[in-house]
Protein backbone atom coordinates (compact mmCIF):
# COMPACT_ATOMS: atom_id res chain seq x y z
CA MET A 1 5.93 19.15 -4.84
CA SER A 2 8.34 16.27 -3.84
CA GLY A 3 11.41 15.72 -1.72
CA GLY A 4 12.58 14.27 1.46
CA ASN A 5 11.18 17.52 3.47
CA ASP A 6 7.42 16.76 1.71
CA LYS A 7 7.47 12.93 2.65
CA ASP A 8 8.61 13.85 6.29
CA PHE A 9 5.97 16.16 6.23
CA THR A 10 3.20 13.65 5.19
CA LEU A 11 4.42 10.88 7.42
CA GLU A 12 4.07 12.88 10.54
CA LEU A 13 0.45 14.59 9.20
CA LEU A 14 -0.77 10.99 9.03
CA ARG A 15 1.11 9.78 12.51
CA ASP A 16 -0.54 12.96 14.42
CA LEU A 17 -3.82 12.56 12.80
CA THR A 18 -4.13 9.00 13.07
CA SER A 19 -3.11 8.36 16.69
CA ALA A 20 -5.34 11.22 18.22
CA ALA A 21 -8.56 9.70 19.47
CA GLY A 22 -11.92 10.58 17.67
CA VAL A 23 -14.90 8.64 17.69
CA PRO A 24 -17.96 10.03 16.31
CA GLY A 25 -19.32 12.57 18.35
CA PHE A 26 -15.70 13.08 20.53
CA GLU A 27 -14.05 14.36 17.85
CA ARG A 28 -12.21 17.20 19.78
CA GLU A 29 -8.60 15.55 19.98
CA ALA A 30 -8.48 14.98 16.42
CA ARG A 31 -10.37 18.31 15.52
CA GLN A 32 -7.31 20.08 17.20
CA VAL A 33 -4.70 18.17 15.67
CA MET A 34 -6.21 18.85 12.10
CA GLU A 35 -6.73 22.68 13.26
CA ARG A 36 -3.21 22.98 14.40
CA TYR A 37 -1.61 22.12 10.66
CA LEU A 38 -4.43 23.81 8.95
CA ALA A 39 -3.64 27.29 11.10
CA PRO A 40 -1.09 28.05 8.98
CA LEU A 41 -2.48 27.68 5.42
CA ALA A 42 -5.91 28.80 5.54
CA GLU A 43 -9.02 30.92 7.93
CA VAL A 44 -10.06 28.23 10.20
CA THR A 45 -13.45 27.66 11.91
CA ARG A 46 -15.73 25.15 12.98
CA ASP A 47 -19.47 24.75 12.43
CA ARG A 48 -21.91 24.63 15.27
CA LEU A 49 -21.78 20.65 15.20
CA GLY A 50 -17.99 20.58 15.38
CA SER A 51 -16.59 20.04 11.97
CA VAL A 52 -13.26 22.12 11.30
CA ILE A 53 -13.86 24.17 7.81
CA ALA A 54 -10.52 25.92 6.56
CA ARG A 55 -11.07 28.61 3.97
CA LYS A 56 -8.15 29.45 1.43
CA GLY A 57 -9.23 31.89 -1.15
CA GLY A 58 -8.47 32.13 -4.65
CA ALA A 59 -8.75 34.08 -7.72
CA ALA A 60 -12.49 34.21 -7.27
CA ASP A 61 -14.72 33.83 -4.44
CA SER A 62 -16.70 31.46 -6.44
CA PRO A 63 -16.86 28.63 -7.35
CA ARG A 64 -16.31 26.96 -3.94
CA ILE A 65 -14.91 23.73 -3.65
CA MET A 66 -15.77 21.32 -0.81
CA LEU A 67 -12.66 18.78 -0.18
CA ALA A 68 -13.72 16.81 3.06
CA GLY A 69 -12.20 14.35 4.83
CA HIS A 70 -14.01 12.55 8.05
CA LEU A 71 -12.44 12.99 11.66
CA ASP A 72 -14.23 10.35 13.47
CA GLU A 73 -13.28 6.86 13.57
CA VAL A 74 -15.17 3.83 14.43
CA GLY A 75 -15.29 3.33 18.47
CA PHE A 76 -17.76 2.41 21.14
CA LEU A 77 -19.09 4.81 24.02
CA VAL A 78 -19.57 3.35 27.83
CA SER A 79 -23.70 2.24 28.32
CA LEU A 80 -23.25 0.38 30.91
CA ILE A 81 -21.11 -0.55 34.36
CA THR A 82 -22.12 -3.97 35.59
CA ASP A 83 -21.63 -4.53 39.49
CA ASP A 84 -18.44 -5.79 39.31
CA GLY A 85 -16.39 -3.49 37.27
CA PHE A 86 -16.61 -4.45 33.53
CA LEU A 87 -18.01 -2.27 30.97
CA ARG A 88 -20.71 -2.85 28.52
CA PHE A 89 -20.40 -0.75 25.32
CA GLN A 90 -22.48 0.60 22.59
CA PRO A 91 -20.68 0.38 19.16
CA LEU A 92 -20.06 4.04 17.05
CA GLY A 93 -20.23 2.91 13.63
CA GLY A 94 -20.06 -0.66 11.83
CA TRP A 95 -18.22 -3.09 13.42
CA TRP A 96 -17.44 -6.87 12.28
CA ASP A 97 -18.05 -8.96 15.51
CA GLN A 98 -15.01 -11.21 14.98
CA VAL A 99 -12.52 -8.27 14.88
CA LEU A 100 -13.26 -6.98 18.53
CA LEU A 101 -12.26 -9.52 20.81
CA ALA A 102 -9.12 -9.35 22.97
CA GLN A 103 -8.33 -5.75 21.16
CA ARG A 104 -7.31 -3.15 23.45
CA VAL A 105 -8.83 0.05 23.85
CA VAL A 106 -8.72 3.45 25.68
CA VAL A 107 -11.53 4.62 27.86
CA LYS A 108 -11.53 8.52 27.60
CA THR A 109 -12.61 9.95 30.96
CA ARG A 110 -12.74 13.47 32.63
CA GLN A 111 -9.64 11.96 34.98
CA GLY A 112 -7.49 10.69 32.22
CA ASP A 113 -6.93 7.76 29.84
CA VAL A 114 -8.24 4.15 30.97
CA PRO A 115 -7.01 1.43 29.11
CA GLY A 116 -8.57 -1.53 28.75
CA VAL A 117 -9.76 -5.09 26.71
CA ILE A 118 -12.17 -6.53 24.82
CA GLY A 119 -13.10 -9.73 26.52
CA SER A 120 -15.83 -12.71 26.92
CA LYS A 121 -16.30 -16.14 28.09
CA PRO A 122 -13.42 -18.05 27.54
CA PRO A 123 -13.85 -20.57 24.87
CA HIS A 124 -12.43 -23.58 27.43
CA VAL A 125 -15.90 -23.57 29.23
CA MET A 126 -18.49 -23.33 26.17
CA SER A 127 -19.78 -26.22 24.76
CA ALA A 128 -17.84 -27.56 21.76
CA GLU A 129 -21.21 -26.37 19.61
CA ASP A 130 -20.76 -22.64 20.81
CA ARG A 131 -17.26 -22.57 20.21
CA LYS A 132 -18.09 -22.89 16.66
CA LYS A 133 -19.91 -20.25 16.72
CA PRO A 134 -18.73 -16.45 16.80
CA VAL A 135 -19.03 -14.55 19.80
CA GLU A 136 -21.68 -11.65 19.67
CA LYS A 137 -20.98 -7.94 20.24
CA LYS A 138 -23.84 -8.26 22.62
CA ASP A 139 -21.86 -10.86 24.53
CA MET A 140 -18.27 -9.19 24.85
CA PHE A 141 -17.67 -6.69 28.15
CA ILE A 142 -14.52 -4.19 28.33
CA ASP A 143 -12.21 -5.15 31.33
CA VAL A 144 -10.09 -2.25 32.86
CA GLY A 145 -9.25 -3.78 35.71
CA ALA A 146 -11.48 -2.62 38.54
CA ALA A 147 -13.27 -5.00 40.89
CA SER A 148 -16.62 -3.40 41.48
CA LYS A 149 -18.76 -0.53 39.65
CA GLU A 150 -17.54 1.83 42.43
CA GLU A 151 -13.75 1.41 41.44
CA ALA A 152 -14.52 2.07 37.66
CA LEU A 153 -16.78 5.23 39.09
CA ALA A 154 -13.69 6.61 40.98
CA MET A 155 -11.16 5.59 37.86
CA GLY A 156 -13.54 8.54 36.42
CA ILE A 157 -15.15 6.28 33.96
CA ARG A 158 -19.01 7.59 33.47
CA PRO A 159 -21.79 5.97 31.56
CA GLY A 160 -21.34 8.12 27.96
CA ASP A 161 -17.81 8.17 27.68
CA PRO A 162 -16.06 7.59 24.09
CA ILE A 163 -14.33 4.23 23.77
CA VAL A 164 -11.11 4.49 21.05
CA PRO A 165 -9.42 1.33 19.40
CA TYR A 166 -5.89 1.61 20.81
CA SER A 167 -3.02 0.74 18.14
CA GLU A 168 0.48 2.35 17.41
CA PHE A 169 1.22 4.01 14.01
CA SER A 170 3.75 2.00 12.38
CA LEU A 171 5.69 1.64 8.98
CA MET A 172 5.91 -2.09 8.07
CA LYS A 173 9.45 -3.32 6.71
CA ASN A 174 8.20 -2.30 3.44
CA GLU A 175 8.16 1.53 4.58
CA LYS A 176 6.26 2.29 1.53
CA LEU A 177 3.08 0.89 4.12
CA ILE A 178 1.65 2.69 6.99
CA MET A 179 -0.09 0.71 9.56
CA ALA A 180 -2.22 2.89 11.80
CA LYS A 181 -5.68 2.99 13.74
CA ALA A 182 -8.35 5.10 12.39
CA LEU A 183 -7.13 5.28 8.40
CA ASP A 184 -11.16 5.59 8.22
CA ASN A 185 -10.55 8.57 7.93
CA ARG A 186 -7.61 10.34 9.16
CA VAL A 187 -6.63 9.77 5.03
CA GLY A 188 -9.04 12.29 4.15
CA CYS A 189 -9.00 14.96 6.81
CA ALA A 190 -4.56 14.29 5.75
CA LEU A 191 -5.71 15.03 2.10
CA ALA A 192 -7.56 18.21 2.73
CA VAL A 193 -4.32 19.76 4.58
CA GLU A 194 -1.81 18.39 2.10
CA VAL A 195 -3.75 19.93 -1.18
CA LEU A 196 -3.98 22.88 1.12
CA ARG A 197 -0.79 23.35 1.43
CA ARG A 198 0.15 22.42 -2.17
CA LEU A 199 -1.78 25.41 -3.29
CA GLN A 200 0.06 28.17 -1.18
CA ASP A 201 1.63 29.45 -3.85
CA VAL A 202 -0.22 27.95 -6.63
CA ALA A 203 -3.18 30.22 -8.73
CA HIS A 204 -6.29 28.53 -8.44
CA PRO A 205 -9.30 29.95 -9.73
CA ASN A 206 -11.67 29.38 -7.07
CA THR A 207 -12.38 29.07 -3.21
CA VAL A 208 -11.63 26.28 -1.62
CA TYR A 209 -12.40 24.57 1.72
CA GLY A 210 -10.21 22.04 3.48
CA VAL A 211 -13.07 20.34 5.58
CA GLY A 212 -12.64 17.55 8.94
CA THR A 213 -16.19 16.50 9.14
CA VAL A 214 -17.78 15.14 12.41
CA GLN A 215 -20.00 11.83 12.96
CA GLU A 216 -20.03 10.29 9.29
CA GLU A 217 -19.73 6.53 10.97
CA VAL A 218 -22.86 7.38 11.90
CA GLY A 219 -24.77 9.01 9.59
CA LEU A 220 -23.04 11.31 7.44
CA ARG A 221 -24.08 14.08 9.72
CA GLY A 222 -21.05 16.90 9.61
CA ALA A 223 -21.40 16.69 6.05
CA GLN A 224 -24.61 18.11 6.43
CA THR A 225 -24.02 20.62 8.60
CA SER A 226 -20.76 21.94 6.98
CA ALA A 227 -22.23 21.96 3.53
CA HIS A 228 -25.11 24.89 4.99
CA ALA A 229 -21.76 26.85 6.47
CA ILE A 230 -19.93 26.40 3.17
CA GLU A 231 -22.42 26.59 0.20
CA PRO A 232 -19.97 24.49 -2.00
CA ASP A 233 -20.56 24.51 -5.93
CA VAL A 234 -18.59 21.19 -5.80
CA GLY A 235 -17.94 18.31 -3.36
CA ILE A 236 -15.27 16.00 -3.21
CA ALA A 237 -15.21 13.02 -0.45
CA LEU A 238 -11.59 12.35 0.47
CA GLU A 239 -12.23 9.23 1.52
CA VAL A 240 -10.24 5.43 2.13
CA SER A 241 -11.52 2.92 -0.61
CA ILE A 242 -11.74 -0.76 0.15
CA ALA A 243 -8.92 -2.99 -0.53
CA GLY A 244 -9.43 -5.78 -2.47
CA ASP A 245 -5.88 -7.43 -2.94
CA VAL A 246 -6.03 -9.52 0.23
CA PRO A 247 -6.66 -13.70 -0.05
CA GLY A 248 -10.29 -14.49 -0.79
CA MET A 249 -11.51 -11.52 -2.40
CA LYS A 250 -12.92 -11.23 -5.75
CA PRO A 251 -12.50 -8.39 -8.06
CA GLU A 252 -16.12 -7.74 -8.07
CA GLU A 253 -16.16 -7.43 -3.99
CA ALA A 254 -13.34 -4.63 -4.06
CA GLN A 255 -11.26 -3.67 -7.30
CA SER A 256 -8.80 -1.12 -5.09
CA LYS A 257 -5.12 -2.42 -5.10
CA LEU A 258 -2.67 -0.92 -2.76
CA GLY A 259 0.21 0.82 -4.86
CA GLN A 260 -2.37 1.45 -7.97
CA GLY A 261 -3.53 4.79 -7.70
CA PRO A 262 -6.39 6.39 -5.91
CA THR A 263 -9.82 5.26 -6.27
CA VAL A 264 -12.67 6.74 -7.81
CA LEU A 265 -16.13 5.51 -6.46
CA LEU A 266 -18.67 5.03 -8.99
CA TYR A 267 -21.60 4.62 -7.26
CA ASP A 268 -22.46 3.44 -3.49
CA ALA A 269 -25.76 3.37 -1.63
CA THR A 270 -25.96 7.22 -1.04
CA LEU A 271 -24.39 8.95 -4.19
CA VAL A 272 -24.43 8.31 -8.27
CA PRO A 273 -21.49 10.63 -8.93
CA ASN A 274 -21.96 13.93 -11.46
CA VAL A 275 -20.95 11.98 -14.64
CA GLN A 276 -19.11 14.95 -16.01
CA LEU A 277 -16.97 15.59 -12.51
CA ARG A 278 -16.17 12.05 -13.12
CA ASP A 279 -15.06 12.54 -17.07
CA LEU A 280 -12.97 15.40 -15.49
CA ILE A 281 -11.29 13.71 -13.12
CA ILE A 282 -10.53 11.16 -15.58
CA ASP A 283 -9.08 13.84 -18.16
CA VAL A 284 -7.25 15.31 -15.76
CA ALA A 285 -4.91 11.80 -14.36
CA GLU A 286 -4.44 11.28 -17.37
CA ASP A 287 -2.84 15.01 -18.50
CA GLU A 288 -1.11 14.44 -15.06
CA GLY A 289 0.05 10.78 -15.42
CA ILE A 290 -1.66 9.55 -12.48
CA PRO A 291 -3.15 5.98 -11.98
CA LEU A 292 -6.48 5.68 -11.36
CA GLN A 293 -9.27 2.68 -9.90
CA PHE A 294 -12.78 2.67 -9.79
CA ASP A 295 -14.72 0.52 -7.56
CA VAL A 296 -18.47 0.48 -6.34
CA MET A 297 -19.79 0.43 -2.82
CA PRO A 298 -23.45 -0.66 -2.58
CA GLY A 299 -23.11 -1.02 1.21
CA GLY A 300 -22.08 2.02 2.14
CA GLY A 301 -21.83 5.73 1.88
CA THR A 302 -19.90 8.47 2.05
CA ASP A 303 -19.58 12.34 2.86
CA ALA A 304 -20.43 12.84 -0.77
CA GLY A 305 -23.71 11.57 -0.46
CA ARG A 306 -24.85 14.32 1.91
CA ILE A 307 -23.08 17.11 0.55
CA HIS A 308 -24.58 16.64 -3.37
CA LEU A 309 -27.90 17.15 -1.66
CA PHE A 310 -27.49 20.43 -0.62
CA GLY A 311 -29.67 23.55 -1.51
CA GLN A 312 -30.41 22.68 -5.45
CA GLY A 313 -28.28 19.87 -5.36
CA VAL A 314 -23.85 20.20 -5.78
CA ALA A 315 -21.94 18.28 -8.51
CA ALA A 316 -19.93 15.55 -5.78
CA ILE A 317 -17.98 12.10 -6.03
CA CYS A 318 -15.38 10.25 -3.74
CA ILE A 319 -11.98 9.92 -4.05
CA GLY A 320 -10.03 7.23 -2.39
CA VAL A 321 -7.41 5.91 -0.95
CA PRO A 322 -7.05 2.40 -0.95
CA THR A 323 -6.42 0.83 2.50
CA ARG A 324 -6.74 -3.03 4.15
CA TYR A 325 -8.88 -3.51 6.78
CA ILE A 326 -10.99 -0.70 7.42
CA HIS A 327 -13.05 -0.66 10.49
CA SER A 328 -11.12 -2.62 12.76
CA HIS A 329 -8.23 -1.44 15.16
CA VAL A 330 -5.92 -1.36 12.18
CA GLY A 331 -5.22 -0.69 8.55
CA ILE A 332 -2.73 -0.48 6.22
CA LEU A 333 -2.17 2.13 3.23
CA HIS A 334 0.12 2.53 0.58
CA ARG A 335 1.95 5.82 0.75
CA ASP A 336 2.31 6.46 -3.12
CA ASP A 337 -1.55 6.21 -3.62
CA PHE A 338 -1.69 9.06 -0.85
CA GLU A 339 1.07 11.01 -2.97
CA ALA A 340 -0.79 10.43 -6.51
CA ALA A 341 -4.26 11.43 -4.62
CA ALA A 342 -2.87 14.68 -3.43
CA ARG A 343 -1.32 15.23 -6.89
CA LEU A 344 -5.09 14.51 -8.66
CA VAL A 345 -7.18 16.62 -6.29
CA THR A 346 -4.79 19.35 -6.23
CA ALA A 347 -4.50 19.39 -9.93
CA LEU A 348 -8.40 18.97 -9.98
CA VAL A 349 -9.09 21.96 -7.94
CA GLN A 350 -6.79 24.26 -10.53
CA ARG A 351 -8.97 23.14 -13.49
CA LEU A 352 -12.31 24.29 -11.13
CA ASP A 353 -12.92 27.53 -12.73
CA HIS A 354 -16.25 29.21 -13.27
CA ASP A 355 -16.72 27.78 -16.63
CA THR A 356 -15.54 24.25 -16.23
CA VAL A 357 -18.01 24.04 -12.94
CA ARG A 358 -21.01 25.69 -14.98
CA ALA A 359 -20.38 22.68 -17.31
CA LEU A 360 -21.02 20.15 -14.30
CA TYR A 361 -24.15 20.95 -14.36
CA ASP A 362 -25.43 21.23 -18.40
């Protein structure tokens, strides 16, 4: 599928998904957006942890193909309200301390959104030695403009409320590039929607499940519960991959580059992917003229790592869209990489008939 209308659909899909709030354990807003896009395409249900499961039947009930993007983005929750009205916070997901200071956030409360900013002791009052040291998360706080604990409570803030990074969705001057929060991993959720959309009038010899999992950033939890609901024969995590095309990066640290196609993850801390599935993806990409990149990620994991452990084992792998600056308030991706990933996964699904899936386990 191609053309202006499709591009507009993809742009609005990414805008709506990334603009929604959804830190681990509090994915409701992002889930509702994904469900709205999935409803015309498939039968939509949820597991009891909150993951979205959209079932699109094809020529046969099995094999069952699970396409999983995760709904949650890295964020925080309120751990303490100080007597003078500042918030201490618990990170949800992996944050590098240096990307936090002076960033805007939104506290999601029962009375509505409360804006704030992450602050710390100003450098003007630090010793010369302390100014050379990075400020640690434990020494930071969130300023919501409250003069006391009572005033913060009156704003509707409660301990345990989620805190979401604030960043507006933007097209860059090069309009092939999108800049937004939560690309990790609303990109994967958008890919699940896009593949189901492309399969609407296309035959496929299986049943496909487009899934938005919850709590990936805190332990791949929704992937486990949704896999129990689906009982998949093949699992594909739809993700971001770490773009290494920025100053200071070495190829052995991150190989993917923006605009060079989707990335097949060859290894991470949770998964050695099924080699026959890897080879099939390479074959499909060659047949479809889709550029592929490859990388390893020894310091992290994806939902595929949990899916492949379901039952007696599931052939699984991760396909990612290269993205800069993940786990921060803003990321950057190339629209051509998203398009290529959607083409690849759609063509792959069409190949996954009973005999092909059985051969993955030989």
